[in-house]
Amino acid sequence: MWDNMIEYLKDPLLVVKVQNFFGVIYKKASQNEEASIIYSDRHDREDFDIRQHKRIPSDISGTSQSSCETDTSGESPEEVVCLISNRFWYYLFVLGTALGDEIFYATFIPFWFWNIDGAVGRRVVLVWTVVMYIGQGFKDIIRWPRPGYPVKKLQQKWAIEYGMPSTHAMVGVSIPFSVLLYTMDRYQYPMQWGLLIAVSWCTLICVSRVYLGMHSVLDIAAGLLLSSLLLVVLIPLVDRLDGFLLTSHWSPLLVVTTSILAIVYHPQSDKWTPTRGDTTMIVSVCAGILTGAWTNYQLGNMVASSADPPYTIIWPSIEMFGTSLLRTILGFCGVLATRAIAKSVSYAFVCALLGRDKNELRNSENSLDNKNKIIVECSYKYFTYGLIGFNTTYVFPNVFELLFINRPTYYTEI
């Protein structure tokens, strides 16, 4: 029974059914301009396979445009055309999948620290890092490919990575639900609204990954189950660990050492994928954020509030909104500057240590045999994104303080 259930959830035709439901139409077009719709019904599998299997590569990816076509060889008079008939769902799911991308992390995390609550931010980032590290590691251990034939991928990004489990689904659980769990007893607000937002957020991300053809339903289910189990352990554990990481004199050494070892001993894939580089960015951001927060605490920049939680949410006035906007703009300019300078300097420095030309190495092939490029990529990402994390929690808030635009700390950041 379980084998049948797993095979059903893993079935690429189930992905096609989801795509069909939201307006993605598969058509078989021939050179005589005739076209017929290809349905995703499981009973059509045998006929569909016989007629199309040898003509469509299983790893073909579509584009992120409103239509996509599968090129066929010159010998075949037919091609499969993928049309998007409902643009609303397309743009909604493109937005939804962006909630699990690095652009979202790069905006959401700094914004939260600069404008909302650093204490919650530290915990959420640590939970997110552990969940993502485990999820990324499982991808390279299990090595299950993303949905193949007959699924058309509407997004090429990350197509080279393995798909099991879906780390987008894991992000869809770890970030909104950890925010909910860490704020429900800290602030006064209707929990049912917070739960509704978290569930909607998670659902949008998960459905978007199937809609775009990037994951099977089984990938999504595994990601949801794994991240939910991890949250049961991590939420109370991280809540207690945060105090130690702020107060211990050994905290920076522990954080830096653990993060470097996590990157060095990341599970090895059987082919090159961006998984290890992405994991390096996530781990280094977390290390930088925790080290920056520790520095603030040790210098006396964090004070305990005289009030006890749950706190009343203070909605921003026009003046507060203006300073928040100014902080955000200046902060993101600082992040971009940090990334540009740190990346350039660290990449050149590591290349010089290895005796390699940086331009030649940058343009060289991505493969597991290209050890020098892997070392340089991981090294520059660790330094660059670690520095961004440190600046986010220590340097930029202190610059804001000097400019008299820092966020008022009505409640404790500890």
Protein backbone atom coordinates (compact mmCIF):
# COMPACT_ATOMS: atom_id res chain seq x y z
CA MET A 1 0.00 0.00 0.00
CA TRP A 2 2.74 2.45 0.97
CA ASP A 3 4.70 1.63 -2.18
CA ASN A 4 1.65 2.39 -4.30
CA MET A 5 1.06 5.65 -2.44
CA ILE A 6 4.68 6.74 -2.90
CA GLU A 7 4.60 5.89 -6.60
CA TYR A 8 1.36 7.81 -7.03
CA LEU A 9 2.65 10.94 -5.26
CA LYS A 10 5.89 10.71 -7.23
CA ASP A 11 4.10 10.33 -10.56
CA PRO A 12 4.96 13.16 -13.01
CA LEU A 13 1.43 12.97 -14.42
CA LEU A 14 0.14 14.15 -11.04
CA VAL A 15 2.23 17.29 -11.54
CA VAL A 16 0.69 17.69 -14.98
CA LYS A 17 -2.77 17.40 -13.43
CA VAL A 18 -1.99 20.25 -11.04
CA GLN A 19 -0.67 22.33 -13.91
CA ASN A 20 -3.79 21.55 -15.97
CA PHE A 21 -6.02 22.55 -13.06
CA PHE A 22 -4.42 26.00 -12.90
CA GLY A 23 -4.54 26.62 -16.62
CA VAL A 24 -1.36 25.11 -18.06
CA ILE A 25 -2.32 23.37 -21.29
CA TYR A 26 -0.20 20.74 -23.03
CA LYS A 27 -0.75 20.49 -26.78
CA LYS A 28 0.69 18.21 -29.40
CA ALA A 29 1.22 20.25 -32.56
CA SER A 30 2.25 18.90 -35.96
CA GLN A 31 3.78 20.57 -38.97
CA ASN A 32 0.43 20.62 -40.77
CA GLU A 33 -0.70 23.11 -38.07
CA GLU A 34 -3.07 20.65 -36.45
CA ALA A 35 -3.06 20.57 -32.66
CA SER A 36 -4.60 18.37 -30.02
CA ILE A 37 -4.69 18.77 -26.28
CA ILE A 38 -2.76 16.22 -24.22
CA TYR A 39 -4.62 15.29 -21.05
CA SER A 40 -3.02 14.20 -17.81
CA ASP A 41 -5.41 11.36 -17.06
CA ARG A 42 -3.45 8.34 -15.84
CA HIS A 43 -5.37 6.10 -18.24
CA ASP A 44 -3.72 7.95 -21.14
CA ARG A 45 -0.22 7.11 -19.94
CA GLU A 46 0.42 4.11 -22.15
CA ASP A 47 -0.76 5.81 -25.37
CA PHE A 48 1.04 9.03 -24.44
CA ASP A 49 4.29 7.20 -23.75
CA ILE A 50 4.21 5.24 -27.00
CA ARG A 51 3.62 8.32 -29.10
CA GLN A 52 5.89 10.82 -27.36
CA HIS A 53 8.50 9.28 -25.09
CA LYS A 54 11.35 9.05 -27.60
CA ARG A 55 10.72 12.55 -28.88
CA ILE A 56 10.82 14.53 -25.64
CA PRO A 57 13.93 14.61 -23.41
CA SER A 58 12.99 13.98 -19.80
CA ASP A 59 15.12 16.87 -18.54
CA ILE A 60 13.79 19.51 -20.91
CA SER A 61 12.96 22.79 -19.12
CA GLY A 62 10.56 25.46 -20.19
CA THR A 63 10.97 29.17 -19.81
CA SER A 64 9.43 31.54 -17.31
CA GLN A 65 7.40 33.21 -20.05
CA SER A 66 3.67 32.86 -20.63
CA SER A 67 4.23 29.93 -23.03
CA CYS A 68 6.90 27.33 -23.62
CA GLU A 69 7.73 24.92 -26.38
CA THR A 70 9.63 21.66 -26.49
CA ASP A 71 12.01 21.49 -29.40
CA THR A 72 12.04 18.23 -31.27
CA SER A 73 14.56 16.74 -33.60
CA GLY A 74 14.32 17.34 -37.30
CA GLU A 75 13.09 13.78 -37.73
CA SER A 76 9.89 14.34 -35.80
CA PRO A 77 6.92 16.13 -37.38
CA GLU A 78 5.38 16.86 -33.96
CA GLU A 79 6.19 18.98 -30.95
CA VAL A 80 4.64 19.51 -27.55
CA VAL A 81 3.58 23.07 -26.83
CA CYS A 82 2.93 24.26 -23.29
CA LEU A 83 0.50 27.19 -23.05
CA ILE A 84 -0.46 29.22 -19.99
CA SER A 85 -4.12 30.13 -20.31
CA ASN A 86 -4.52 31.83 -16.92
CA ARG A 87 -1.99 34.56 -16.25
CA PHE A 88 -3.32 35.25 -12.75
CA TRP A 89 -2.23 31.85 -11.47
CA TYR A 90 1.06 32.07 -13.32
CA TYR A 91 2.10 35.40 -11.78
CA LEU A 92 0.73 34.43 -8.36
CA PHE A 93 2.80 31.25 -8.29
CA VAL A 94 5.92 33.01 -9.61
CA LEU A 95 5.49 35.38 -6.66
CA GLY A 96 4.86 32.43 -4.35
CA THR A 97 8.02 30.59 -5.33
CA ALA A 98 9.99 33.82 -4.77
CA LEU A 99 9.10 33.54 -1.06
CA GLY A 100 11.64 30.72 -0.89
CA ASP A 101 14.37 32.37 -2.96
CA GLU A 102 17.53 34.19 -1.93
CA ILE A 103 16.07 37.55 -2.97
CA PHE A 104 13.37 37.08 -0.36
CA TYR A 105 15.92 36.11 2.31
CA ALA A 106 18.08 39.11 1.43
CA THR A 107 15.17 41.50 1.95
CA PHE A 108 13.04 39.87 4.64
CA ILE A 109 15.81 39.10 7.14
CA PRO A 110 17.47 42.56 7.22
CA PHE A 111 14.08 44.30 7.21
CA TRP A 112 12.98 42.24 10.20
CA PHE A 113 16.09 43.11 12.21
CA TRP A 114 16.02 46.81 11.36
CA ASN A 115 12.32 47.40 11.78
CA ILE A 116 10.59 44.72 13.86
CA ASP A 117 12.28 42.52 16.49
CA GLY A 118 15.87 41.33 16.71
CA ALA A 119 15.17 38.73 19.41
CA VAL A 120 12.61 36.95 17.24
CA GLY A 121 14.82 37.47 14.19
CA ARG A 122 17.80 35.62 15.70
CA ARG A 123 15.69 32.62 16.59
CA VAL A 124 13.93 32.47 13.22
CA VAL A 125 17.24 32.70 11.33
CA LEU A 126 18.80 29.91 13.37
CA VAL A 127 15.77 27.65 12.86
CA TRP A 128 15.72 28.43 9.13
CA THR A 129 19.45 27.66 8.83
CA VAL A 130 19.25 24.27 10.52
CA VAL A 131 16.15 23.27 8.55
CA MET A 132 17.70 24.34 5.24
CA TYR A 133 21.02 22.64 5.99
CA ILE A 134 19.31 19.33 6.70
CA GLY A 135 17.04 19.65 3.68
CA GLN A 136 19.88 20.52 1.32
CA GLY A 137 21.93 17.68 2.71
CA PHE A 138 19.15 15.16 2.15
CA LYS A 139 18.88 16.29 -1.48
CA ASP A 140 22.47 15.25 -2.16
CA ILE A 141 22.09 12.03 -0.16
CA ILE A 142 18.80 10.81 -1.68
CA ARG A 143 19.59 12.13 -5.20
CA TRP A 144 16.08 11.89 -6.61
CA PRO A 145 15.68 13.93 -9.80
CA ARG A 146 13.02 16.57 -10.29
CA PRO A 147 9.89 15.59 -12.23
CA GLY A 148 10.81 14.41 -15.71
CA TYR A 149 8.84 13.50 -18.78
CA PRO A 150 6.13 14.52 -19.55
CA VAL A 151 6.32 17.49 -17.13
CA LYS A 152 7.25 20.84 -18.62
CA LYS A 153 9.21 23.05 -16.23
CA LEU A 154 8.08 26.66 -16.26
CA GLN A 155 11.23 27.72 -14.38
CA GLN A 156 14.84 26.84 -15.08
CA LYS A 157 16.33 28.07 -11.82
CA TRP A 158 17.62 25.20 -9.64
CA ALA A 159 16.62 22.68 -12.31
CA ILE A 160 20.05 21.05 -12.03
CA GLU A 161 19.56 20.33 -8.30
CA TYR A 162 17.94 17.19 -7.01
CA GLY A 163 14.35 17.52 -5.85
CA MET A 164 13.77 15.35 -2.76
CA PRO A 165 12.84 16.89 -0.37
CA SER A 166 11.53 20.27 -1.46
CA THR A 167 13.50 22.90 0.47
CA HIS A 168 10.99 25.50 -0.71
CA ALA A 169 8.33 23.54 1.19
CA MET A 170 10.67 23.41 4.19
CA VAL A 171 11.13 27.18 4.06
CA GLY A 172 7.37 27.51 3.74
CA VAL A 173 7.06 25.81 7.12
CA SER A 174 10.17 27.02 8.95
CA ILE A 175 9.93 30.79 8.42
CA PRO A 176 6.21 31.64 8.83
CA PHE A 177 5.54 29.09 11.55
CA SER A 178 8.66 29.92 13.55
CA VAL A 179 7.68 33.61 13.37
CA LEU A 180 4.22 32.63 14.60
CA LEU A 181 5.48 30.43 17.42
CA TYR A 182 8.06 32.96 18.64
CA THR A 183 5.64 35.91 18.56
CA MET A 184 2.39 34.38 19.80
CA ASP A 185 3.40 34.70 23.47
CA ARG A 186 5.59 37.78 22.93
CA TYR A 187 3.03 40.13 21.38
CA GLN A 188 -0.69 40.72 21.73
CA TYR A 189 -2.41 39.90 18.46
CA PRO A 190 -5.12 37.50 17.27
CA MET A 191 -3.38 34.16 16.89
CA GLN A 192 -5.94 32.95 14.36
CA TRP A 193 -4.85 35.68 11.96
CA GLY A 194 -1.23 34.76 12.39
CA LEU A 195 -2.07 31.10 11.78
CA LEU A 196 -4.08 32.00 8.67
CA ILE A 197 -1.15 34.00 7.25
CA ALA A 198 1.33 31.20 8.01
CA VAL A 199 -0.85 28.51 6.40
CA SER A 200 -1.55 30.70 3.34
CA TRP A 201 2.15 31.51 2.98
CA CYS A 202 3.14 27.85 3.18
CA THR A 203 0.39 26.72 0.80
CA LEU A 204 1.29 29.32 -1.81
CA ILE A 205 4.95 28.26 -1.83
CA CYS A 206 4.16 24.54 -2.01
CA VAL A 207 1.57 24.74 -4.78
CA SER A 208 3.81 27.09 -6.76
CA ARG A 209 6.61 24.50 -6.88
CA VAL A 210 4.32 21.83 -8.31
CA TYR A 211 2.70 24.31 -10.71
CA LEU A 212 6.10 25.34 -12.07
CA GLY A 213 7.00 21.68 -12.59
CA MET A 214 9.94 21.84 -10.20
CA HIS A 215 8.73 19.26 -7.66
CA SER A 216 6.55 16.21 -7.44
CA VAL A 217 3.81 16.07 -4.84
CA LEU A 218 5.97 13.56 -2.96
CA ASP A 219 8.85 16.06 -2.80
CA ILE A 220 6.49 18.63 -1.27
CA ALA A 221 4.96 16.16 1.20
CA ALA A 222 8.42 15.02 2.34
CA GLY A 223 9.56 18.62 2.80
CA LEU A 224 6.47 19.49 4.85
CA LEU A 225 6.80 16.40 7.04
CA LEU A 226 10.53 16.76 7.63
CA SER A 227 10.39 20.47 8.47
CA SER A 228 7.40 20.00 10.77
CA LEU A 229 9.23 17.29 12.72
CA LEU A 230 12.33 19.48 12.92
CA LEU A 231 10.31 22.44 14.22
CA VAL A 232 8.99 20.34 17.11
CA VAL A 233 12.58 19.93 18.30
CA LEU A 234 14.10 23.21 17.15
CA ILE A 235 11.58 25.76 18.46
CA PRO A 236 12.21 25.08 22.20
CA LEU A 237 15.89 24.18 21.64
CA VAL A 238 16.74 27.38 19.75
CA ASP A 239 14.79 29.46 22.28
CA ARG A 240 17.11 28.23 25.02
CA LEU A 241 20.23 28.25 22.86
CA ASP A 242 19.77 31.92 21.93
CA GLY A 243 20.55 33.09 25.45
CA PHE A 244 23.77 31.07 25.55
CA LEU A 245 24.89 32.37 22.15
CA LEU A 246 24.38 35.96 23.33
CA THR A 247 26.08 35.72 26.70
CA SER A 248 28.87 33.14 26.39
CA HIS A 249 32.38 34.47 25.76
CA TRP A 250 33.00 31.39 23.64
CA SER A 251 30.02 32.02 21.37
CA PRO A 252 31.84 33.52 18.33
CA LEU A 253 34.41 30.71 18.30
CA LEU A 254 31.67 28.10 18.60
CA VAL A 255 29.52 29.69 15.87
CA VAL A 256 32.37 30.18 13.39
CA THR A 257 33.89 26.74 13.98
CA THR A 258 30.55 24.94 13.72
CA SER A 259 29.57 26.81 10.56
CA ILE A 260 32.87 26.08 8.81
CA LEU A 261 32.72 22.39 9.73
CA ALA A 262 29.12 22.24 8.49
CA ILE A 263 30.23 23.54 5.10
CA VAL A 264 33.33 21.36 4.84
CA TYR A 265 31.42 18.20 5.74
CA HIS A 266 28.30 18.95 3.71
CA PRO A 267 27.06 15.72 2.04
CA GLN A 268 28.74 15.13 -1.30
CA SER A 269 26.62 14.77 -4.42
CA ASP A 270 27.45 12.54 -7.39
CA LYS A 271 27.42 15.58 -9.70
CA TRP A 272 27.98 19.31 -9.43
CA THR A 273 24.96 21.27 -8.25
CA PRO A 274 24.60 24.72 -6.66
CA THR A 275 23.33 23.09 -3.45
CA ARG A 276 26.61 23.35 -1.55
CA GLY A 277 27.16 26.97 -2.54
CA ASP A 278 23.61 27.91 -1.52
CA THR A 279 24.06 26.11 1.79
CA THR A 280 27.30 28.03 2.37
CA MET A 281 25.45 31.33 1.94
CA ILE A 282 22.71 30.32 4.37
CA VAL A 283 25.10 29.06 7.05
CA SER A 284 27.42 32.08 6.75
CA VAL A 285 24.55 34.58 7.00
CA CYS A 286 23.41 32.89 10.20
CA ALA A 287 26.97 32.91 11.62
CA GLY A 288 27.35 36.60 10.82
CA ILE A 289 24.00 37.52 12.34
CA LEU A 290 24.68 35.61 15.56
CA THR A 291 28.19 37.08 15.87
CA GLY A 292 26.90 40.59 15.28
CA ALA A 293 24.18 40.14 17.89
CA TRP A 294 26.76 38.78 20.37
CA THR A 295 28.95 41.83 19.78
CA ASN A 296 26.02 44.14 20.47
CA TYR A 297 25.23 42.35 23.70
CA GLN A 298 28.83 42.30 24.92
CA LEU A 299 29.15 46.07 24.27
CA GLY A 300 26.01 46.78 26.26
CA ASN A 301 23.86 47.77 23.30
CA MET A 302 21.07 45.40 24.35
CA VAL A 303 19.07 46.18 27.45
CA ALA A 304 16.27 44.25 29.10
CA SER A 305 12.82 45.80 29.13
CA SER A 306 11.06 46.59 32.38
CA ALA A 307 7.79 45.38 30.85
CA ASP A 308 6.80 41.76 30.72
CA PRO A 309 5.44 39.99 27.63
CA PRO A 310 3.07 39.76 25.92
CA TYR A 311 3.79 43.26 24.61
CA THR A 312 1.35 45.58 22.91
CA ILE A 313 2.12 46.04 19.24
CA ILE A 314 3.06 49.66 18.55
CA TRP A 315 1.85 50.61 15.10
CA PRO A 316 4.10 53.11 13.30
CA SER A 317 3.28 56.79 13.16
CA ILE A 318 4.09 58.85 10.06
CA GLU A 319 7.44 59.80 11.59
CA MET A 320 8.24 56.19 12.48
CA PHE A 321 7.28 55.08 8.99
CA GLY A 322 9.61 57.69 7.50
CA THR A 323 12.59 56.64 9.61
CA SER A 324 11.82 52.98 8.86
CA LEU A 325 11.85 53.70 5.15
CA LEU A 326 15.12 55.60 5.49
CA ARG A 327 16.71 52.77 7.50
CA THR A 328 15.61 50.22 4.93
CA ILE A 329 16.94 52.19 1.95
CA LEU A 330 20.28 53.01 3.58
CA GLY A 331 20.60 49.48 4.93
CA PHE A 332 20.00 47.79 1.58
CA CYS A 333 22.47 50.15 -0.08
CA GLY A 334 24.96 49.06 2.57
CA VAL A 335 24.18 45.38 1.94
CA LEU A 336 24.74 45.80 -1.81
CA ALA A 337 27.99 47.67 -1.22
CA THR A 338 29.17 45.03 1.26
CA ARG A 339 28.40 42.25 -1.19
CA ALA A 340 30.16 43.93 -4.12
CA ILE A 341 33.33 44.83 -2.20
CA ALA A 342 33.61 41.66 -0.10
CA LYS A 343 32.97 39.37 -3.07
CA SER A 344 35.57 41.06 -5.25
CA VAL A 345 38.24 41.19 -2.55
CA SER A 346 37.70 37.69 -1.15
CA TYR A 347 37.47 36.01 -4.56
CA ALA A 348 40.73 37.59 -5.70
CA PHE A 349 42.42 36.83 -2.37
CA VAL A 350 41.55 33.11 -2.34
CA CYS A 351 42.52 32.78 -6.02
CA ALA A 352 45.89 34.36 -5.19
CA LEU A 353 46.39 31.90 -2.32
CA LEU A 354 45.75 29.01 -4.70
CA GLY A 355 47.92 30.53 -7.42
CA ARG A 356 45.04 30.64 -9.93
CA ASP A 357 43.92 33.41 -12.25
CA LYS A 358 40.55 34.65 -10.99
CA ASN A 359 39.03 35.27 -14.43
CA GLU A 360 40.15 31.91 -15.74
CA LEU A 361 38.81 30.13 -12.68
CA ARG A 362 35.49 32.02 -12.76
CA ASN A 363 34.91 30.95 -16.36
CA SER A 364 36.03 27.36 -15.83
CA GLU A 365 33.68 24.40 -15.82
CA ASN A 366 31.45 23.66 -12.86
CA SER A 367 32.29 20.08 -11.88
CA LEU A 368 33.22 18.02 -8.85
CA ASP A 369 36.71 17.61 -10.27
CA ASN A 370 37.27 21.37 -10.31
CA LYS A 371 38.33 21.45 -6.66
CA ASN A 372 39.92 24.89 -6.83
CA LYS A 373 36.71 26.50 -8.04
CA ILE A 374 34.68 24.80 -5.33
CA ILE A 375 37.11 26.02 -2.66
CA VAL A 376 37.07 29.58 -4.01
CA GLU A 377 33.28 29.66 -4.38
CA CYS A 378 32.64 28.40 -0.86
CA SER A 379 35.34 30.64 0.65
CA TYR A 380 34.19 33.89 -0.93
CA LYS A 381 30.54 33.14 -0.18
CA TYR A 382 31.32 32.37 3.46
CA PHE A 383 33.25 35.61 3.93
CA THR A 384 30.88 37.80 1.90
CA TYR A 385 27.58 36.63 3.32
CA GLY A 386 28.98 36.25 6.81
CA LEU A 387 30.02 39.90 6.65
CA ILE A 388 26.56 40.86 5.38
CA GLY A 389 25.02 39.07 8.36
CA PHE A 390 27.40 40.77 10.80
CA ASN A 391 26.71 44.19 9.30
CA THR A 392 22.97 43.55 9.43
CA THR A 393 22.90 43.07 13.19
CA TYR A 394 25.86 45.16 14.36
CA VAL A 395 27.32 47.71 11.93
CA PHE A 396 24.21 49.10 10.26
CA PRO A 397 22.11 49.44 13.47
CA ASN A 398 24.96 51.40 15.05
CA VAL A 399 25.17 53.61 11.96
CA PHE A 400 21.43 54.19 12.27
CA GLU A 401 22.00 55.13 15.92
CA LEU A 402 24.60 57.73 14.94
CA LEU A 403 22.15 59.16 12.39
CA PHE A 404 19.33 59.19 14.99
CA ILE A 405 17.13 56.95 12.85
CA ASN A 406 17.53 53.66 14.69
CA ARG A 407 14.48 51.61 15.56
CA PRO A 408 13.13 52.45 19.04
CA THR A 409 13.61 49.45 21.33
CA TYR A 410 10.45 49.57 23.40
CA TYR A 411 10.87 45.95 24.38
CA THR A 412 13.83 43.78 25.15
CA GLU A 413 15.99 42.43 22.31
CA ILE A 414 17.24 39.64 24.55
